Each structure stands twice: as C-alpha cells, then as structure tokens.
Amino acid sequence: MPIANPELQSNLNLSSKDKFILILNLPKIMKAKYPNLAEEPLTLSLFGTVVPDISVPEVDLRFQGQNLHISTYARPNYPPLNVQFVVDNQYKNYYTLWKWLDIMNLALDDYYGGSSKDDIISTHNEDQQEYQTTFSVWGLNEYNKPVIEFNYYKAFISKLGGITYSYRDGGIIEANAEFHYSQLAVERLN
C-alpha cells in the first residue's frame, strides 16, 4: 500500500476561519520618509476580516412580453476592508500604520508634496499613487501554507482603531484598521 501524501486532501477537509495573514508592501512615500520602517513588507497576524461581496448588478430588459435579466457589465465600488490584528510586542505594526496615516493627515507638514527631494509640487494623481499600495490577504491550509491570495490594489489606510489598556486584563493587545482600495483580484496558489 502506498504511503499517503499529507498534501493530498480528502474532499472532507475544509478551510478554517483562523488561517490567514495580511502581507502589506508599504507605499512609496513610506519608503522615502521612513526607510527603516519599510525595509520589508509588513505582516499582520489577522484574527478577523471579511472578504467583500463581489457583485455585478443586472438590469431588466423587456422583450416580447417577458423581462430578461442581463448583466450591466459594471461592478459597484468595493466596501472598505476592515481587519482586526494583533499588535506585536514592539508595537512596530501599529506604529507603521499610524505613520502612514500621519503622512496623509499632514499632521506636521503644511503640504504633502510627495517623496520628491526637490519639492516639486506634483499633481494630485501622482500624490495619490505615492501613498497607495498593493497588499495581500493569504488564506492558509492546515499546514500553514498559502493556498489562496486576495490582492487589493491601489489601497490606502483610512482608519486605525485605538488601543485599550487595562490593568485588569492581561490579554494580548488587539487593534483594527480600515483600508480602501480600487480593485480586488483572487488567485489560487499551488
């Protein structure tokens, strides 16, 4: 009898809700202003997120006394992606996301002029591209190997949740973040 390969799975093996991570390539402006924070992609240990619904609305077309449903060939805007993550023991993941929001909020600078060293005022579209990025949420199998990848394009952080401290609770620190993005692509990995 041949030895079973643990990677070959039965149809009864199902995906688990607690097996996913977020890999975030930081945007160009973060790499320019904070190279020590942006040396490598930021990995967040997620404990909660929702892959958004994907829909293509239909329209009714009247034809010979019937109503036919046809596609609009248009996709509505995606809702924001809310992720819940664990704050690491050095607070690096929280701090990095906070700095990204801080750059977009212009808290210390009177104008965000991009990462250009010569302070040439760039167009609004170029500014947009400098603080946007692509990130991925990987679904993992029971062996913690990536099996599906959700890619979010032209994404930027729009909200970072607060941290609640308590002397009565010795648990891990959790936070949440909200991202807006323009496109979503899904790829099944081998």
C-alpha atoms as a PDB file:
ATOM      1  CA  MET A   1       0.000   0.000   0.000  1.00  0.00           C
ATOM      2  CA  PRO A   2       1.454   3.436  -0.957  1.00  0.00           C
ATOM      3  CA  ILE A   3       2.183   5.973   1.748  1.00  0.00           C
ATOM      4  CA  ALA A   4      -0.320   8.848   1.717  1.00  0.00           C
ATOM      5  CA  ASN A   5       0.924  12.329   0.891  1.00  0.00           C
ATOM      6  CA  PRO A   6      -0.361  14.752   3.577  1.00  0.00           C
ATOM      7  CA  GLU A   7      -0.646  17.497   0.935  1.00  0.00           C
ATOM      8  CA  LEU A   8      -3.270  15.455  -0.958  1.00  0.00           C
ATOM      9  CA  GLN A   9      -6.506  16.089   0.820  1.00  0.00           C
ATOM     10  CA  SER A  10      -9.839  14.412   1.100  1.00  0.00           C
ATOM     11  CA  ASN A  11     -12.949  16.230  -0.068  1.00  0.00           C
ATOM     12  CA  LEU A  12     -13.973  16.245   3.588  1.00  0.00           C
ATOM     13  CA  ASN A  13     -11.062  18.561   4.551  1.00  0.00           C
ATOM     14  CA  LEU A  14     -12.463  22.066   4.888  1.00  0.00           C
ATOM     15  CA  SER A  15     -10.924  25.525   5.179  1.00  0.00           C
ATOM     16  CA  SER A  16     -10.632  27.085   8.604  1.00  0.00           C
ATOM     17  CA  LYS A  17     -11.591  30.667   9.516  1.00  0.00           C
ATOM     18  CA  ASP A  18      -8.471  31.198  11.635  1.00  0.00           C
ATOM     19  CA  LYS A  19      -5.859  30.595   8.938  1.00  0.00           C
ATOM     20  CA  PHE A  20      -4.979  33.864   7.200  1.00  0.00           C
ATOM     21  CA  ILE A  21      -2.369  36.648   7.273  1.00  0.00           C
ATOM     22  CA  LEU A  22      -2.005  40.062   5.648  1.00  0.00           C
ATOM     23  CA  ILE A  23       1.179  40.956   3.742  1.00  0.00           C
ATOM     24  CA  LEU A  24       1.464  44.713   3.167  1.00  0.00           C
ATOM     25  CA  ASN A  25       4.015  46.344   0.868  1.00  0.00           C
ATOM     26  CA  LEU A  26       4.365  49.846   2.195  1.00  0.00           C
ATOM     27  CA  PRO A  27       3.713  52.730  -0.224  1.00  0.00           C
ATOM     28  CA  LYS A  28       6.418  54.754  -1.928  1.00  0.00           C
ATOM     29  CA  ILE A  29       6.087  57.721   0.432  1.00  0.00           C
ATOM     30  CA  MET A  30       6.696  55.488   3.480  1.00  0.00           C
ATOM     31  CA  LYS A  31       9.807  54.041   1.848  1.00  0.00           C
ATOM     32  CA  ALA A  32      11.075  57.550   1.125  1.00  0.00           C
ATOM     33  CA  LYS A  33      10.344  59.120   4.520  1.00  0.00           C
ATOM     34  CA  TYR A  34      10.810  56.118   6.821  1.00  0.00           C
ATOM     35  CA  PRO A  35      13.188  53.633   5.139  1.00  0.00           C
ATOM     36  CA  ASN A  36      13.853  51.801   8.427  1.00  0.00           C
ATOM     37  CA  LEU A  37      10.130  51.002   8.767  1.00  0.00           C
ATOM     38  CA  ALA A  38       9.754  49.963   5.137  1.00  0.00           C
ATOM     39  CA  GLU A  39      12.725  47.624   4.773  1.00  0.00           C
ATOM     40  CA  GLU A  40      10.478  44.609   4.267  1.00  0.00           C
ATOM     41  CA  PRO A  41       6.735  44.056   3.848  1.00  0.00           C
ATOM     42  CA  LEU A  42       4.646  44.427   6.975  1.00  0.00           C
ATOM     43  CA  THR A  43       2.992  41.174   8.063  1.00  0.00           C
ATOM     44  CA  LEU A  44      -0.099  41.391  10.235  1.00  0.00           C
ATOM     45  CA  SER A  45      -1.454  38.435  12.179  1.00  0.00           C
ATOM     46  CA  LEU A  46      -5.146  38.815  11.498  1.00  0.00           C
ATOM     47  CA  PHE A  47      -7.838  37.429  13.713  1.00  0.00           C
ATOM     48  CA  GLY A  48     -10.740  38.948  11.842  1.00  0.00           C
ATOM     49  CA  THR A  49     -11.568  40.266   8.388  1.00  0.00           C
ATOM     50  CA  VAL A  50     -14.202  39.820   5.713  1.00  0.00           C
ATOM     51  CA  VAL A  51     -13.502  39.331   2.030  1.00  0.00           C
ATOM     52  CA  PRO A  52     -16.057  41.703   0.483  1.00  0.00           C
ATOM     53  CA  ASP A  53     -19.010  40.617  -1.579  1.00  0.00           C
ATOM     54  CA  ILE A  54     -18.381  40.788  -5.294  1.00  0.00           C
ATOM     55  CA  SER A  55     -21.357  41.541  -7.481  1.00  0.00           C
ATOM     56  CA  VAL A  56     -22.254  42.570 -10.989  1.00  0.00           C
ATOM     57  CA  PRO A  57     -25.760  44.046 -10.942  1.00  0.00           C
ATOM     58  CA  GLU A  58     -28.353  43.068 -13.515  1.00  0.00           C
ATOM     59  CA  VAL A  59     -30.912  45.151 -15.360  1.00  0.00           C
ATOM     60  CA  ASP A  60     -34.310  44.073 -16.639  1.00  0.00           C
ATOM     61  CA  LEU A  61     -34.769  44.109 -20.379  1.00  0.00           C
ATOM     62  CA  ARG A  62     -38.295  43.913 -21.716  1.00  0.00           C
ATOM     63  CA  PHE A  63     -38.521  41.538 -24.666  1.00  0.00           C
ATOM     64  CA  GLN A  64     -41.707  40.081 -26.183  1.00  0.00           C
ATOM     65  CA  GLY A  65     -43.753  40.451 -23.016  1.00  0.00           C
ATOM     66  CA  GLN A  66     -41.008  38.996 -20.816  1.00  0.00           C
ATOM     67  CA  ASN A  67     -38.461  40.546 -18.505  1.00  0.00           C
ATOM     68  CA  LEU A  68     -34.995  39.226 -19.214  1.00  0.00           C
ATOM     69  CA  HIS A  69     -32.147  39.738 -16.784  1.00  0.00           C
ATOM     70  CA  ILE A  70     -28.935  40.910 -18.414  1.00  0.00           C
ATOM     71  CA  SER A  71     -25.639  41.990 -16.924  1.00  0.00           C
ATOM     72  CA  THR A  72     -24.742  45.652 -16.564  1.00  0.00           C
ATOM     73  CA  TYR A  73     -21.070  44.753 -17.109  1.00  0.00           C
ATOM     74  CA  ALA A  74     -20.284  47.145 -14.273  1.00  0.00           C
ATOM     75  CA  ARG A  75     -19.099  46.461 -10.766  1.00  0.00           C
ATOM     76  CA  PRO A  76     -20.064  48.750  -7.886  1.00  0.00           C
ATOM     77  CA  ASN A  77     -17.383  50.226  -5.647  1.00  0.00           C
ATOM     78  CA  TYR A  78     -15.958  47.818  -3.142  1.00  0.00           C
ATOM     79  CA  PRO A  79     -16.744  48.439   0.519  1.00  0.00           C
ATOM     80  CA  PRO A  80     -13.770  49.243   2.767  1.00  0.00           C
ATOM     81  CA  LEU A  81     -11.827  46.301   4.143  1.00  0.00           C
ATOM     82  CA  ASN A  82     -11.802  46.132   7.935  1.00  0.00           C
ATOM     83  CA  VAL A  83      -9.089  43.996   9.505  1.00  0.00           C
ATOM     84  CA  GLN A  84      -8.535  43.106  13.128  1.00  0.00           C
ATOM     85  CA  PHE A  85      -4.943  42.324  14.031  1.00  0.00           C
ATOM     86  CA  VAL A  86      -2.692  41.564  16.974  1.00  0.00           C
ATOM     87  CA  VAL A  87      -0.245  44.331  17.955  1.00  0.00           C
ATOM     88  CA  ASP A  88       3.305  42.963  18.079  1.00  0.00           C
ATOM     89  CA  ASN A  89       5.391  43.280  21.264  1.00  0.00           C
ATOM     90  CA  GLN A  90       7.467  46.158  19.805  1.00  0.00           C
ATOM     91  CA  TYR A  91       4.348  48.000  18.504  1.00  0.00           C
ATOM     92  CA  LYS A  92       6.026  48.142  15.072  1.00  0.00           C
ATOM     93  CA  ASN A  93       2.943  47.129  13.081  1.00  0.00           C
ATOM     94  CA  TYR A  94       0.701  49.661  14.865  1.00  0.00           C
ATOM     95  CA  TYR A  95       3.327  52.427  14.659  1.00  0.00           C
ATOM     96  CA  THR A  96       3.930  51.810  10.936  1.00  0.00           C
ATOM     97  CA  LEU A  97       0.220  52.071  10.149  1.00  0.00           C
ATOM     98  CA  TRP A  98      -0.031  55.190  12.331  1.00  0.00           C
ATOM     99  CA  LYS A  99       2.864  56.847  10.456  1.00  0.00           C
ATOM    100  CA  TRP A 100       1.169  56.049   7.135  1.00  0.00           C
ATOM    101  CA  LEU A 101      -1.991  57.787   8.339  1.00  0.00           C
ATOM    102  CA  ASP A 102       0.074  60.642   9.762  1.00  0.00           C
ATOM    103  CA  ILE A 103       1.667  61.349   6.372  1.00  0.00           C
ATOM    104  CA  MET A 104      -1.755  61.508   4.728  1.00  0.00           C
ATOM    105  CA  ASN A 105      -3.139  63.648   7.562  1.00  0.00           C
ATOM    106  CA  LEU A 106      -0.368  66.253   7.233  1.00  0.00           C
ATOM    107  CA  ALA A 107      -0.078  66.497  10.985  1.00  0.00           C
ATOM    108  CA  LEU A 108       3.405  68.029  10.986  1.00  0.00           C
ATOM    109  CA  ASP A 109       3.798  69.329   7.415  1.00  0.00           C
ATOM    110  CA  ASP A 110       1.789  72.114   5.869  1.00  0.00           C
ATOM    111  CA  TYR A 111       1.696  70.418   2.446  1.00  0.00           C
ATOM    112  CA  TYR A 112       2.261  66.859   1.324  1.00  0.00           C
ATOM    113  CA  GLY A 113       4.449  67.287  -1.729  1.00  0.00           C
ATOM    114  CA  GLY A 114       5.332  63.683  -2.360  1.00  0.00           C
ATOM    115  CA  SER A 115       8.644  61.944  -1.891  1.00  0.00           C
ATOM    116  CA  SER A 116      10.474  64.115  -4.401  1.00  0.00           C
ATOM    117  CA  LYS A 117      13.687  65.561  -2.942  1.00  0.00           C
ATOM    118  CA  ASP A 118      13.433  68.817  -4.904  1.00  0.00           C
ATOM    119  CA  ASP A 119       9.958  69.718  -3.564  1.00  0.00           C
ATOM    120  CA  ILE A 120       8.389  69.986  -6.994  1.00  0.00           C
ATOM    121  CA  ILE A 121       4.645  70.178  -6.463  1.00  0.00           C
ATOM    122  CA  SER A 122       3.274  67.042  -8.061  1.00  0.00           C
ATOM    123  CA  THR A 123      -0.176  66.573  -9.450  1.00  0.00           C
ATOM    124  CA  HIS A 124      -2.925  65.184  -7.261  1.00  0.00           C
ATOM    125  CA  ASN A 125      -2.866  61.864  -9.153  1.00  0.00           C
ATOM    126  CA  GLU A 126       0.868  61.410  -8.570  1.00  0.00           C
ATOM    127  CA  ASP A 127       0.361  62.126  -4.865  1.00  0.00           C
ATOM    128  CA  GLN A 128      -2.364  59.501  -4.791  1.00  0.00           C
ATOM    129  CA  GLN A 129      -0.058  56.866  -6.249  1.00  0.00           C
ATOM    130  CA  GLU A 130       2.672  57.622  -3.727  1.00  0.00           C
ATOM    131  CA  TYR A 131       0.589  56.767  -0.685  1.00  0.00           C
ATOM    132  CA  GLN A 132      -1.290  53.840  -2.243  1.00  0.00           C
ATOM    133  CA  THR A 133      -0.017  50.297  -2.343  1.00  0.00           C
ATOM    134  CA  THR A 134      -0.955  46.702  -3.027  1.00  0.00           C
ATOM    135  CA  PHE A 135      -1.436  44.228  -0.229  1.00  0.00           C
ATOM    136  CA  SER A 136      -2.478  40.607   0.028  1.00  0.00           C
ATOM    137  CA  VAL A 137      -4.505  38.502   2.416  1.00  0.00           C
ATOM    138  CA  TRP A 138      -3.381  34.886   2.232  1.00  0.00           C
ATOM    139  CA  GLY A 139      -5.649  32.026   3.201  1.00  0.00           C
ATOM    140  CA  LEU A 140      -3.619  29.187   4.719  1.00  0.00           C
ATOM    141  CA  ASN A 141      -4.261  25.469   4.831  1.00  0.00           C
ATOM    142  CA  GLU A 142      -3.934  23.290   7.923  1.00  0.00           C
ATOM    143  CA  TYR A 143      -0.140  23.133   7.339  1.00  0.00           C
ATOM    144  CA  ASN A 144       0.073  26.981   7.331  1.00  0.00           C
ATOM    145  CA  LYS A 145       0.925  27.066   3.634  1.00  0.00           C
ATOM    146  CA  PRO A 146      -0.730  29.759   1.461  1.00  0.00           C
ATOM    147  CA  VAL A 147      -3.453  28.317  -0.795  1.00  0.00           C
ATOM    148  CA  ILE A 148      -5.380  31.415  -1.877  1.00  0.00           C
ATOM    149  CA  GLU A 149      -4.364  35.042  -2.267  1.00  0.00           C
ATOM    150  CA  PHE A 150      -6.695  38.062  -2.223  1.00  0.00           C
ATOM    151  CA  ASN A 151      -4.851  41.038  -3.764  1.00  0.00           C
ATOM    152  CA  TYR A 152      -6.087  44.552  -3.004  1.00  0.00           C
ATOM    153  CA  TYR A 153      -4.803  47.148  -5.496  1.00  0.00           C
ATOM    154  CA  LYS A 154      -4.409  50.939  -5.081  1.00  0.00           C
ATOM    155  CA  ALA A 155      -5.093  50.544  -1.386  1.00  0.00           C
ATOM    156  CA  PHE A 156      -4.587  53.037   1.406  1.00  0.00           C
ATOM    157  CA  ILE A 157      -5.314  53.052   5.110  1.00  0.00           C
ATOM    158  CA  SER A 158      -8.231  55.243   6.132  1.00  0.00           C
ATOM    159  CA  LYS A 159      -8.694  54.395   9.808  1.00  0.00           C
ATOM    160  CA  LEU A 160      -6.668  52.923  12.655  1.00  0.00           C
ATOM    161  CA  GLY A 161      -8.502  51.834  15.784  1.00  0.00           C
ATOM    162  CA  GLY A 162      -7.448  52.784  19.267  1.00  0.00           C
ATOM    163  CA  ILE A 163      -5.730  50.633  21.869  1.00  0.00           C
ATOM    164  CA  THR A 164      -7.469  49.903  25.153  1.00  0.00           C
ATOM    165  CA  TYR A 165      -5.135  49.399  28.100  1.00  0.00           C
ATOM    166  CA  SER A 166      -6.320  47.773  31.300  1.00  0.00           C
ATOM    167  CA  TYR A 167      -4.573  46.631  34.479  1.00  0.00           C
ATOM    168  CA  ARG A 168      -7.347  44.068  34.905  1.00  0.00           C
ATOM    169  CA  ASP A 169      -6.857  42.296  31.591  1.00  0.00           C
ATOM    170  CA  GLY A 170      -3.534  40.606  30.846  1.00  0.00           C
ATOM    171  CA  GLY A 171      -4.517  39.544  27.315  1.00  0.00           C
ATOM    172  CA  ILE A 172      -2.853  40.437  24.051  1.00  0.00           C
ATOM    173  CA  ILE A 173      -3.396  43.871  22.520  1.00  0.00           C
ATOM    174  CA  GLU A 174      -5.703  43.907  19.541  1.00  0.00           C
ATOM    175  CA  ALA A 175      -6.381  46.715  17.081  1.00  0.00           C
ATOM    176  CA  ASN A 176      -8.268  47.249  13.858  1.00  0.00           C
ATOM    177  CA  ALA A 177      -7.619  49.112  10.644  1.00  0.00           C
ATOM    178  CA  GLU A 178      -9.726  50.088   7.662  1.00  0.00           C
ATOM    179  CA  PHE A 179      -8.423  50.135   4.097  1.00  0.00           C
ATOM    180  CA  HIS A 180      -9.976  51.485   0.920  1.00  0.00           C
ATOM    181  CA  TYR A 181      -8.899  50.050  -2.426  1.00  0.00           C
ATOM    182  CA  SER A 182      -9.797  50.211  -6.105  1.00  0.00           C
ATOM    183  CA  GLN A 183      -9.535  46.624  -7.307  1.00  0.00           C
ATOM    184  CA  LEU A 184      -9.607  43.114  -5.877  1.00  0.00           C
ATOM    185  CA  ALA A 185      -8.158  40.037  -7.568  1.00  0.00           C
ATOM    186  CA  VAL A 186      -8.215  36.470  -6.301  1.00  0.00           C
ATOM    187  CA  GLU A 187      -5.621  33.849  -7.168  1.00  0.00           C
ATOM    188  CA  ARG A 188      -5.463  30.217  -6.111  1.00  0.00           C
ATOM    189  CA  LEU A 189      -1.892  29.227  -5.259  1.00  0.00           C
ATOM    190  CA  ASN A 190      -0.305  25.842  -5.941  1.00  0.00           C
END
